[in-house]
Amino acid sequence: MTVKTASASKPNMDAFDKMTPLESKAARSLASIYSLRMLGLFMILPVFSLYAEELEGVTPFLIGVAIGIYGLTQAALQIPMGMLSDRIGRKPVIAAGLLIFALGSVVAAMADSMTGVIIGRALQGSGAIAAAIMALAADLTREEQRVKVMATIGISIGLSFAVALVGGPILGAWIGVDGIFWLTAILAIGGIFVLYRIVPTPAESKFHRDAEPIPEQFKTVLKDPELLRLDVGIFILHLVLTSTFVVLPFALRDHAGLASVDHWWVYLPVLVISMLIMIPFVIVAEKHRKMKSVFIGSVAILAFAEMLLMVGYDSLPVIYVALLLFFIAFNVLEATLPSLIAKTAPPHIKGTAMGVYSSSQFLGAFVGGIFGGAIYGGFGLGGVFMFAMIGLLLWLFLAVTMKSPRYLATFMIHVGPIDDAKEKQLIKEITAVTGVAEAIIIAEDEIAYLKVDNHALNKEDLIRFHYEDPKGNNTEETPIAQ
């Protein structure tokens, strides 16, 4: 006997499979807020080390601290601020975070000492709005469309990073690094404008286990060896990125003979070419199911790129080649690591797994800045590149020993109110749908959390389990406050 979960007419396939105009608007506007903030954080990466030479109390170690300190405060506060948004609302927390970020930018812009810049950068990281933005995105989207919205936000982060690396040296020449800090403050205020004038306001906010961490699940996530392996991976990836950029500006200016105003001529072609080349690798990894091979290859290429920098940082052509290889591999890994988390984590703990993953990323940036600065002071540029290479070789060992991922995506479907008697029957029927590998129903959420093979999934068959709220709260438009 089939369990009937719909109380209204069955939704058509287009309504089920496509984002509504409201969902598209939410995705674009929230992605713009996230990217404006990340643009401000990343824009000093290619220029700060040179700027810091003019500041009082500068040492190589403090340069690294200033570059990486935002990662410590970001990692410490993003989950608590996400939880706070469950209590007092998403927009107030996001607005407060953007104001704190703007304040940190102003402090850094006005500082004439390393201590002042470090305080400013720590404040920038304290405006940790990532979890609150993801929660608001979940409030504004149906379960079936959430992966697309999160992907849109993820793409915006990658683009902001590319723009920041190219724009940082250009703006540094025009308005100075202190001017960049002032600009990031303005961008943060602009984010508040977008938040209140463009981002829709949900009629209600509720907890979403696919987008938010659950403290009770932290132990489970941290004990999972495959998830832990991926967390270590993103930690090392951003440790290497940050430590490399502590010294790369010095390599370009002092050893390769390229004036700082011209550094963007290195970053622009490298980033454009690397982003074009990475696309086929991601397609091979996902569609042709070569994820582990592409993953291992990318880590190995990163290690080789750091070796080239270690032995050839006084040669501009070598730096070009090394950075091209670096960013091809970096972009591939940035695109595939979140996918691996989604494939590895049980569907109902994905939010917690992503929260730990994100915190690991920011901690990696902090540790990379600390060690990059310390090693630069003690062993010079070559020592930093060697440190990065050793870290990547350790990651390569972990990558080689990882299990091949299951090529299953997370999928959610709103099944509506359901009692215990029907739950087991409904799970049985959902898992009988072609392409559904496993299903877990959380009755209080009224959601079935699925692992599916997108190549084989029969969405037309799955759609019959989608619950249409007779009050209209789960139809083609997500409700917003009037």
Protein backbone atom coordinates (compact mmCIF):
# COMPACT_ATOMS: atom_id res chain seq x y z
CA MET A 1 0.00 0.00 0.00
CA THR A 2 1.38 3.42 -0.96
CA VAL A 3 1.55 6.03 1.76
CA LYS A 4 -0.12 9.22 0.61
CA THR A 5 1.78 12.25 1.88
CA ALA A 6 0.37 14.99 -0.29
CA SER A 7 -2.70 16.85 0.80
CA ALA A 8 -3.01 18.89 -2.37
CA SER A 9 -2.41 18.35 -6.04
CA LYS A 10 0.91 16.83 -6.97
CA PRO A 11 3.42 19.51 -8.06
CA ASN A 12 4.52 19.45 -11.65
CA MET A 13 8.09 18.55 -12.50
CA ASP A 14 9.14 22.09 -13.44
CA ALA A 15 7.95 23.48 -10.10
CA PHE A 16 9.73 20.67 -8.28
CA ASP A 17 12.99 20.81 -10.22
CA LYS A 18 13.57 24.54 -10.76
CA MET A 19 14.23 27.45 -8.47
CA THR A 20 11.43 29.97 -8.16
CA PRO A 21 12.11 33.68 -8.86
CA LEU A 22 12.19 34.26 -5.11
CA GLU A 23 14.75 31.50 -4.58
CA SER A 24 16.90 32.85 -7.42
CA LYS A 25 16.74 36.34 -5.91
CA ALA A 26 17.72 34.99 -2.50
CA ALA A 27 20.63 33.05 -3.98
CA ARG A 28 22.01 36.01 -5.93
CA SER A 29 21.61 38.58 -3.17
CA LEU A 30 23.07 36.40 -0.41
CA ALA A 31 25.94 35.39 -2.70
CA SER A 32 26.68 39.08 -3.27
CA ILE A 33 26.84 39.76 0.49
CA TYR A 34 29.12 36.79 1.08
CA SER A 35 31.38 37.70 -1.83
CA LEU A 36 31.64 41.38 -0.81
CA ARG A 37 32.89 40.32 2.59
CA MET A 38 35.32 37.71 1.26
CA LEU A 39 36.59 40.22 -1.30
CA GLY A 40 37.57 42.48 1.57
CA LEU A 41 39.34 39.67 3.41
CA PHE A 42 41.25 38.39 0.38
CA MET A 43 42.18 41.68 -1.29
CA ILE A 44 45.11 42.38 1.01
CA LEU A 45 46.56 38.89 0.54
CA PRO A 46 48.83 39.74 -2.43
CA VAL A 47 49.92 43.17 -1.12
CA PHE A 48 50.00 43.27 2.67
CA SER A 49 53.49 41.84 3.22
CA LEU A 50 55.03 44.71 1.24
CA TYR A 51 52.81 47.33 2.87
CA ALA A 52 53.71 46.06 6.33
CA GLU A 53 57.33 47.14 5.87
CA GLU A 54 56.15 50.72 6.48
CA LEU A 55 54.43 49.94 9.80
CA GLU A 56 55.85 50.39 13.27
CA GLY A 57 57.00 47.21 14.98
CA VAL A 58 57.02 45.06 11.85
CA THR A 59 58.62 41.60 12.02
CA PRO A 60 58.18 38.64 9.68
CA PHE A 61 56.25 36.79 12.38
CA LEU A 62 53.82 39.69 12.89
CA ILE A 63 53.26 39.94 9.14
CA GLY A 64 52.06 36.35 9.22
CA VAL A 65 49.92 37.00 12.29
CA ALA A 66 48.25 39.99 10.61
CA ILE A 67 47.49 38.03 7.46
CA GLY A 68 46.13 34.95 9.23
CA ILE A 69 44.55 36.23 12.46
CA TYR A 70 41.12 36.68 10.86
CA GLY A 71 40.97 32.90 10.47
CA LEU A 72 41.18 32.34 14.23
CA THR A 73 38.32 34.66 15.13
CA GLN A 74 36.28 33.50 12.15
CA ALA A 75 36.67 29.84 13.13
CA ALA A 76 35.86 30.54 16.77
CA LEU A 77 32.74 32.64 16.17
CA GLN A 78 31.02 31.46 13.00
CA ILE A 79 29.16 28.54 14.62
CA PRO A 80 28.12 30.52 17.75
CA MET A 81 26.87 33.38 15.57
CA GLY A 82 24.91 30.92 13.46
CA MET A 83 23.29 29.58 16.63
CA LEU A 84 22.58 33.13 17.78
CA SER A 85 20.75 33.75 14.51
CA ASP A 86 18.38 30.89 15.44
CA ARG A 87 17.43 32.88 18.55
CA ILE A 88 17.30 36.52 17.50
CA GLY A 89 16.92 36.29 13.72
CA ARG A 90 19.20 35.99 10.71
CA LYS A 91 19.29 39.57 9.48
CA PRO A 92 20.21 41.21 12.83
CA VAL A 93 23.15 38.79 13.23
CA ILE A 94 24.32 39.28 9.64
CA ALA A 95 24.03 43.07 9.94
CA ALA A 96 25.94 43.05 13.23
CA GLY A 97 28.64 40.87 11.67
CA LEU A 98 29.02 43.23 8.72
CA LEU A 99 29.26 46.21 11.10
CA ILE A 100 31.98 44.44 13.12
CA PHE A 101 33.79 43.65 9.88
CA ALA A 102 33.53 47.30 8.80
CA LEU A 103 34.84 48.42 12.20
CA GLY A 104 37.80 46.08 11.87
CA SER A 105 38.53 47.48 8.40
CA VAL A 106 38.50 51.05 9.75
CA VAL A 107 40.81 50.09 12.64
CA ALA A 108 43.25 48.48 10.19
CA ALA A 109 43.04 51.44 7.80
CA MET A 110 43.89 53.95 10.54
CA ALA A 111 46.63 51.86 12.14
CA ASP A 112 50.25 52.90 11.83
CA SER A 113 51.59 49.89 13.71
CA MET A 114 51.45 46.14 13.31
CA THR A 115 49.52 45.84 16.56
CA GLY A 116 46.76 48.08 15.21
CA VAL A 117 46.48 46.12 11.97
CA ILE A 118 46.37 42.81 13.84
CA ILE A 119 43.53 44.10 16.02
CA GLY A 120 41.69 45.29 12.93
CA ARG A 121 42.12 41.97 11.14
CA ALA A 122 40.96 40.08 14.23
CA LEU A 123 37.84 42.25 14.30
CA GLN A 124 37.27 41.57 10.60
CA GLY A 125 37.21 37.86 11.31
CA SER A 126 34.92 38.40 14.31
CA GLY A 127 32.18 39.48 11.92
CA ALA A 128 31.63 35.79 11.23
CA ILE A 129 28.42 35.65 9.23
CA ALA A 130 28.96 32.54 7.13
CA ALA A 131 26.72 30.23 9.16
CA ALA A 132 23.98 32.87 9.50
CA ILE A 133 23.97 33.49 5.74
CA MET A 134 23.65 29.77 5.04
CA ALA A 135 20.80 29.53 7.54
CA LEU A 136 18.99 32.47 5.92
CA ALA A 137 19.48 30.85 2.52
CA ALA A 138 17.86 27.72 3.92
CA ASP A 139 14.94 29.76 5.31
CA LEU A 140 14.31 31.20 1.85
CA THR A 141 14.49 28.01 -0.20
CA ARG A 142 12.68 24.74 -0.48
CA GLU A 143 14.57 21.66 0.56
CA GLU A 144 14.70 20.36 -3.00
CA GLN A 145 16.49 23.53 -4.24
CA ARG A 146 18.89 24.12 -1.38
CA VAL A 147 21.92 22.48 -2.97
CA LYS A 148 21.66 24.84 -5.97
CA VAL A 149 21.47 27.90 -3.74
CA MET A 150 24.48 26.81 -1.69
CA ALA A 151 26.39 26.13 -4.93
CA THR A 152 25.64 29.67 -6.14
CA ILE A 153 27.08 31.08 -2.92
CA GLY A 154 30.12 28.81 -3.25
CA ILE A 155 30.80 29.98 -6.81
CA SER A 156 30.62 33.61 -5.69
CA ILE A 157 33.35 32.95 -3.11
CA GLY A 158 35.65 31.53 -5.78
CA LEU A 159 35.07 34.49 -8.07
CA SER A 160 35.66 36.99 -5.26
CA PHE A 161 38.99 35.30 -4.51
CA ALA A 162 40.08 35.63 -8.14
CA VAL A 163 38.99 39.28 -8.33
CA ALA A 164 40.78 40.01 -5.04
CA LEU A 165 44.13 38.61 -6.18
CA VAL A 166 44.07 40.65 -9.37
CA GLY A 167 42.44 43.75 -7.88
CA GLY A 168 44.59 43.89 -4.74
CA PRO A 169 47.84 44.95 -6.46
CA ILE A 170 46.00 47.38 -8.77
CA LEU A 171 44.11 49.06 -5.94
CA GLY A 172 47.20 48.96 -3.75
CA ALA A 173 48.99 51.08 -6.35
CA TRP A 174 46.05 53.50 -6.73
CA ILE A 175 44.78 53.98 -3.19
CA GLY A 176 47.30 52.16 -1.00
CA VAL A 177 46.64 49.25 1.33
CA ASP A 178 45.06 51.58 3.87
CA GLY A 179 42.73 52.62 1.06
CA ILE A 180 41.88 48.95 0.47
CA PHE A 181 40.89 48.65 4.12
CA TRP A 182 38.65 51.73 3.77
CA LEU A 183 37.13 50.20 0.64
CA THR A 184 36.37 46.95 2.45
CA ALA A 185 34.55 48.94 5.13
CA ILE A 186 32.43 50.56 2.44
CA LEU A 187 31.73 47.16 0.85
CA ALA A 188 30.55 45.84 4.23
CA ILE A 189 28.13 48.74 4.62
CA GLY A 190 26.97 48.05 1.07
CA GLY A 191 26.30 44.48 2.17
CA ILE A 192 23.94 45.76 4.87
CA PHE A 193 22.06 47.75 2.22
CA VAL A 194 21.70 44.60 0.09
CA LEU A 195 20.59 42.63 3.16
CA TYR A 196 17.69 44.93 4.03
CA ARG A 197 16.70 46.25 0.60
CA ILE A 198 17.16 43.24 -1.68
CA VAL A 199 17.37 39.98 0.31
CA PRO A 200 13.84 38.64 0.96
CA THR A 201 12.71 38.30 4.56
CA PRO A 202 11.36 34.86 5.47
CA ALA A 203 8.02 34.65 7.22
CA GLU A 204 9.72 32.45 9.81
CA SER A 205 13.16 31.12 10.60
CA LYS A 206 13.70 27.60 11.76
CA PHE A 207 16.61 25.24 12.30
CA HIS A 208 17.89 23.40 9.19
CA ARG A 209 20.06 20.38 9.90
CA ASP A 210 21.37 20.34 6.33
CA ALA A 211 22.73 23.90 6.63
CA GLU A 212 23.48 24.34 10.34
CA PRO A 213 25.59 22.37 12.81
CA ILE A 214 24.11 20.44 15.73
CA PRO A 215 26.43 20.41 18.78
CA GLU A 216 25.38 16.87 19.69
CA GLN A 217 26.71 15.68 16.33
CA PHE A 218 30.22 17.14 16.66
CA LYS A 219 31.57 13.99 18.30
CA THR A 220 30.16 11.83 15.51
CA VAL A 221 31.67 14.02 12.81
CA LEU A 222 35.08 14.28 14.50
CA LYS A 223 35.25 10.50 14.98
CA ASP A 224 34.53 9.75 11.32
CA PRO A 225 37.96 9.04 9.75
CA GLU A 226 36.90 9.93 6.21
CA LEU A 227 35.35 13.26 7.23
CA LEU A 228 38.34 14.00 9.45
CA ARG A 229 40.66 13.29 6.53
CA LEU A 230 38.79 15.89 4.44
CA ASP A 231 38.86 18.41 7.32
CA VAL A 232 42.63 17.97 7.58
CA GLY A 233 42.81 18.45 3.81
CA ILE A 234 41.04 21.81 3.75
CA PHE A 235 43.11 22.85 6.80
CA ILE A 236 46.35 22.12 4.93
CA LEU A 237 45.08 23.69 1.69
CA HIS A 238 44.45 27.05 3.36
CA LEU A 239 47.54 26.77 5.54
CA VAL A 240 49.57 26.45 2.33
CA LEU A 241 47.70 29.29 0.59
CA THR A 242 48.21 31.74 3.46
CA SER A 243 51.83 30.84 4.20
CA THR A 244 52.68 31.10 0.50
CA PHE A 245 51.25 34.60 0.25
CA VAL A 246 53.18 35.74 3.31
CA VAL A 247 56.34 35.54 1.17
CA LEU A 248 55.23 35.45 -2.48
CA PRO A 249 55.10 39.28 -2.82
CA PHE A 250 58.72 39.42 -1.63
CA ALA A 251 59.72 36.77 -4.16
CA LEU A 252 58.12 38.70 -7.01
CA ARG A 253 59.57 42.09 -6.02
CA ASP A 254 62.94 41.37 -4.45
CA HIS A 255 64.06 38.23 -6.28
CA ALA A 256 62.21 38.12 -9.62
CA GLY A 257 62.56 41.89 -10.09
CA LEU A 258 58.87 42.69 -10.69
CA ALA A 259 57.65 46.00 -9.26
CA SER A 260 54.76 45.59 -6.85
CA VAL A 261 52.47 47.70 -9.04
CA ASP A 262 52.89 45.08 -11.79
CA HIS A 263 52.18 41.97 -9.72
CA TRP A 264 48.66 41.77 -11.14
CA TRP A 265 50.23 40.95 -14.50
CA VAL A 266 51.24 37.64 -12.94
CA TYR A 267 47.96 36.91 -11.17
CA LEU A 268 45.55 37.82 -13.99
CA PRO A 269 46.69 35.35 -16.67
CA VAL A 270 47.44 32.67 -14.10
CA LEU A 271 43.94 32.86 -12.58
CA VAL A 272 42.09 33.09 -15.90
CA ILE A 273 43.95 30.16 -17.45
CA SER A 274 43.76 28.06 -14.30
CA MET A 275 39.99 28.57 -13.97
CA LEU A 276 39.49 27.48 -17.58
CA ILE A 277 41.71 24.42 -17.19
CA MET A 278 40.15 23.31 -13.90
CA ILE A 279 36.67 22.91 -15.43
CA PRO A 280 37.47 19.73 -17.42
CA PHE A 281 39.12 18.20 -14.34
CA VAL A 282 36.03 18.84 -12.22
CA ILE A 283 33.84 17.33 -14.95
CA VAL A 284 36.07 14.25 -15.10
CA ALA A 285 35.99 13.95 -11.31
CA GLU A 286 32.21 14.26 -10.99
CA LYS A 287 30.61 13.00 -14.19
CA HIS A 288 33.18 10.37 -15.10
CA ARG A 289 33.58 9.32 -11.47
CA LYS A 290 37.33 9.80 -11.19
CA MET A 291 37.12 11.81 -7.98
CA LYS A 292 39.92 10.08 -6.08
CA SER A 293 42.33 10.14 -9.03
CA VAL A 294 41.73 13.83 -9.73
CA PHE A 295 41.93 14.59 -6.01
CA ILE A 296 45.27 12.83 -5.52
CA GLY A 297 46.65 14.34 -8.70
CA SER A 298 45.71 17.85 -7.60
CA VAL A 299 47.44 17.49 -4.24
CA ALA A 300 50.55 16.14 -5.98
CA ILE A 301 50.53 19.09 -8.41
CA LEU A 302 50.28 21.51 -5.49
CA ALA A 303 53.30 19.91 -3.85
CA PHE A 304 55.24 20.10 -7.14
CA ALA A 305 54.30 23.78 -7.51
CA GLU A 306 55.64 24.55 -4.04
CA MET A 307 58.85 22.69 -4.89
CA LEU A 308 59.24 24.87 -7.99
CA LEU A 309 58.77 27.98 -5.87
CA MET A 310 61.29 26.67 -3.35
CA VAL A 311 64.06 26.21 -5.92
CA GLY A 312 63.13 28.92 -8.42
CA TYR A 313 61.60 31.88 -6.59
CA ASP A 314 64.23 34.18 -8.12
CA SER A 315 62.99 33.44 -11.66
CA LEU A 316 59.84 35.09 -12.98
CA PRO A 317 59.14 32.36 -15.59
CA VAL A 318 59.43 29.68 -12.89
CA ILE A 319 57.06 31.62 -10.64
CA TYR A 320 54.57 31.89 -13.52
CA VAL A 321 54.64 28.13 -14.13
CA ALA A 322 54.50 27.32 -10.42
CA LEU A 323 51.53 29.63 -9.80
CA LEU A 324 49.66 28.31 -12.83
CA LEU A 325 50.04 24.75 -11.55
CA PHE A 326 49.21 25.88 -8.02
CA PHE A 327 45.94 27.56 -8.95
CA ILE A 328 44.80 24.82 -11.32
CA ALA A 329 45.13 22.34 -8.46
CA PHE A 330 43.84 24.78 -5.84
CA ASN A 331 40.68 25.55 -7.82
CA VAL A 332 40.01 21.87 -8.45
CA LEU A 333 40.34 21.08 -4.75
CA GLU A 334 38.23 24.05 -3.67
CA ALA A 335 35.47 22.82 -5.98
CA THR A 336 35.65 19.12 -5.12
CA LEU A 337 36.28 19.11 -1.36
CA PRO A 338 32.76 20.34 -0.43
CA SER A 339 31.37 17.76 -2.83
CA LEU A 340 33.36 15.06 -1.06
CA ILE A 341 32.00 16.20 2.31
CA ALA A 342 28.46 15.94 0.94
CA LYS A 343 29.18 12.48 -0.50
CA THR A 344 30.78 11.22 2.71
CA ALA A 345 28.56 12.64 5.45
CA PRO A 346 25.28 10.90 6.32
CA PRO A 347 22.53 13.13 4.91
CA HIS A 348 21.07 14.21 8.25
CA ILE A 349 24.42 15.43 9.65
CA LYS A 350 25.60 17.31 6.57
CA GLY A 351 25.15 20.71 8.28
CA THR A 352 27.42 19.71 11.16
CA ALA A 353 29.99 18.18 8.80
CA MET A 354 30.09 21.38 6.74
CA GLY A 355 30.39 23.50 9.88
CA VAL A 356 33.46 21.56 11.07
CA TYR A 357 34.89 21.67 7.55
CA SER A 358 34.47 25.44 7.33
CA SER A 359 36.06 25.98 10.75
CA SER A 360 38.99 23.79 9.69
CA GLN A 361 39.46 25.97 6.62
CA PHE A 362 39.70 29.18 8.66
CA LEU A 363 41.97 27.59 11.25
CA GLY A 364 44.25 26.56 8.41
CA ALA A 365 44.49 30.19 7.29
CA PHE A 366 45.44 31.24 10.82
CA VAL A 367 48.07 28.56 11.32
CA GLY A 368 49.45 29.20 7.83
CA GLY A 369 49.94 32.87 8.64
CA ILE A 370 51.60 32.11 12.00
CA PHE A 371 54.01 29.51 10.65
CA GLY A 372 54.60 31.36 7.38
CA GLY A 373 55.74 34.45 9.25
CA ALA A 374 57.81 32.55 11.80
CA ILE A 375 59.57 30.38 9.20
CA TYR A 376 60.20 33.37 6.94
CA GLY A 377 61.91 35.15 9.83
CA GLY A 378 64.09 32.15 10.63
CA PHE A 379 64.74 30.43 7.30
CA GLY A 380 63.81 32.84 4.53
CA LEU A 381 61.50 32.43 1.55
CA GLY A 382 62.78 28.98 0.62
CA GLY A 383 61.98 27.71 4.10
CA VAL A 384 58.34 28.78 3.78
CA PHE A 385 57.91 27.09 0.41
CA MET A 386 59.56 23.94 1.82
CA PHE A 387 57.18 24.03 4.79
CA ALA A 388 54.21 24.24 2.42
CA MET A 389 55.57 21.38 0.31
CA ILE A 390 56.02 19.14 3.36
CA GLY A 391 52.47 19.86 4.48
CA LEU A 392 51.18 18.93 1.03
CA LEU A 393 53.20 15.70 0.98
CA LEU A 394 51.58 14.77 4.28
CA TRP A 395 48.18 15.51 2.73
CA LEU A 396 49.14 13.44 -0.32
CA PHE A 397 49.73 10.44 1.94
CA LEU A 398 46.32 10.95 3.55
CA ALA A 399 44.70 11.34 0.13
CA VAL A 400 46.23 8.15 -1.24
CA THR A 401 44.90 6.17 1.70
CA MET A 402 41.36 7.60 1.55
CA LYS A 403 38.46 5.44 0.48
CA SER A 404 37.01 5.97 -2.97
CA PRO A 405 33.91 8.10 -2.46
CA ARG A 406 30.41 6.90 -3.11
CA TYR A 407 29.05 8.95 -6.00
CA LEU A 408 25.95 9.90 -4.10
CA ALA A 409 24.58 13.39 -3.64
CA THR A 410 22.52 14.72 -0.77
CA PHE A 411 18.87 15.32 -1.65
CA MET A 412 15.96 16.41 0.50
CA ILE A 413 12.25 16.18 0.00
CA HIS A 414 9.52 17.71 2.13
CA VAL A 415 7.22 14.86 3.13
CA GLY A 416 4.95 16.78 5.50
CA PRO A 417 3.55 15.63 8.85
CA ILE A 418 4.04 11.92 9.41
CA ASP A 419 3.56 9.62 12.36
CA ASP A 420 5.80 6.77 13.51
CA ALA A 421 3.54 4.11 12.02
CA LYS A 422 3.94 5.50 8.50
CA GLU A 423 7.60 6.46 8.75
CA LYS A 424 9.08 3.00 8.12
CA GLN A 425 6.70 2.35 5.27
CA LEU A 426 7.51 5.67 3.66
CA ILE A 427 11.26 5.06 3.95
CA LYS A 428 10.78 1.69 2.29
CA GLU A 429 8.86 3.23 -0.59
CA ILE A 430 11.28 6.12 -1.08
CA THR A 431 14.32 3.83 -1.14
CA ALA A 432 12.53 1.75 -3.78
CA VAL A 433 12.73 4.72 -6.17
CA THR A 434 15.42 4.24 -8.79
CA GLY A 435 18.56 6.16 -7.82
CA VAL A 436 17.79 6.47 -4.09
CA ALA A 437 20.49 4.70 -2.07
CA GLU A 438 19.35 5.54 1.45
CA ALA A 439 16.75 7.63 3.23
CA ILE A 440 16.32 8.97 6.74
CA ILE A 441 13.16 10.77 7.82
CA ILE A 442 13.30 13.27 10.67
CA ALA A 443 9.66 13.58 11.71
CA GLU A 444 10.10 16.90 13.50
CA ASP A 445 11.59 18.40 10.33
CA GLU A 446 8.96 16.77 8.08
CA ILE A 447 11.85 16.05 5.71
CA ALA A 448 13.32 12.94 4.15
CA TYR A 449 17.10 13.20 3.89
CA LEU A 450 18.33 11.10 0.97
CA LYS A 451 21.52 9.89 -0.62
CA VAL A 452 20.93 9.64 -4.35
CA ASP A 453 22.76 8.76 -7.55
CA ASN A 454 21.98 11.76 -9.76
CA HIS A 455 22.87 9.77 -12.88
CA ALA A 456 20.12 7.26 -12.18
CA LEU A 457 17.61 9.19 -10.04
CA ASN A 458 14.01 9.00 -11.20
CA LYS A 459 12.74 12.39 -10.03
CA GLU A 460 9.37 11.85 -11.67
CA ASP A 461 8.83 8.89 -9.38
CA LEU A 462 10.24 10.69 -6.35
CA ILE A 463 7.97 13.69 -6.79
CA ARG A 464 4.94 11.76 -5.59
CA PHE A 465 6.32 11.89 -2.03
CA HIS A 466 6.55 15.67 -2.07
CA TYR A 467 4.07 17.22 0.36
CA GLU A 468 2.04 20.18 -0.82
CA ASP A 469 0.89 22.27 2.13
CA PRO A 470 -2.81 23.04 1.71
CA LYS A 471 -2.15 26.46 3.26
CA GLY A 472 0.21 27.26 0.42
CA ASN A 473 3.37 27.40 2.52
CA ASN A 474 5.24 24.88 0.45
CA THR A 475 4.26 25.70 -3.09
CA GLU A 476 6.00 27.65 -5.80
CA GLU A 477 6.92 30.63 -3.64
CA THR A 478 8.69 30.47 -0.31
CA PRO A 479 6.72 32.69 2.10
CA ILE A 480 8.18 36.07 2.96
CA ALA A 481 7.21 38.63 5.52
CA GLN A 482 4.97 41.36 4.23
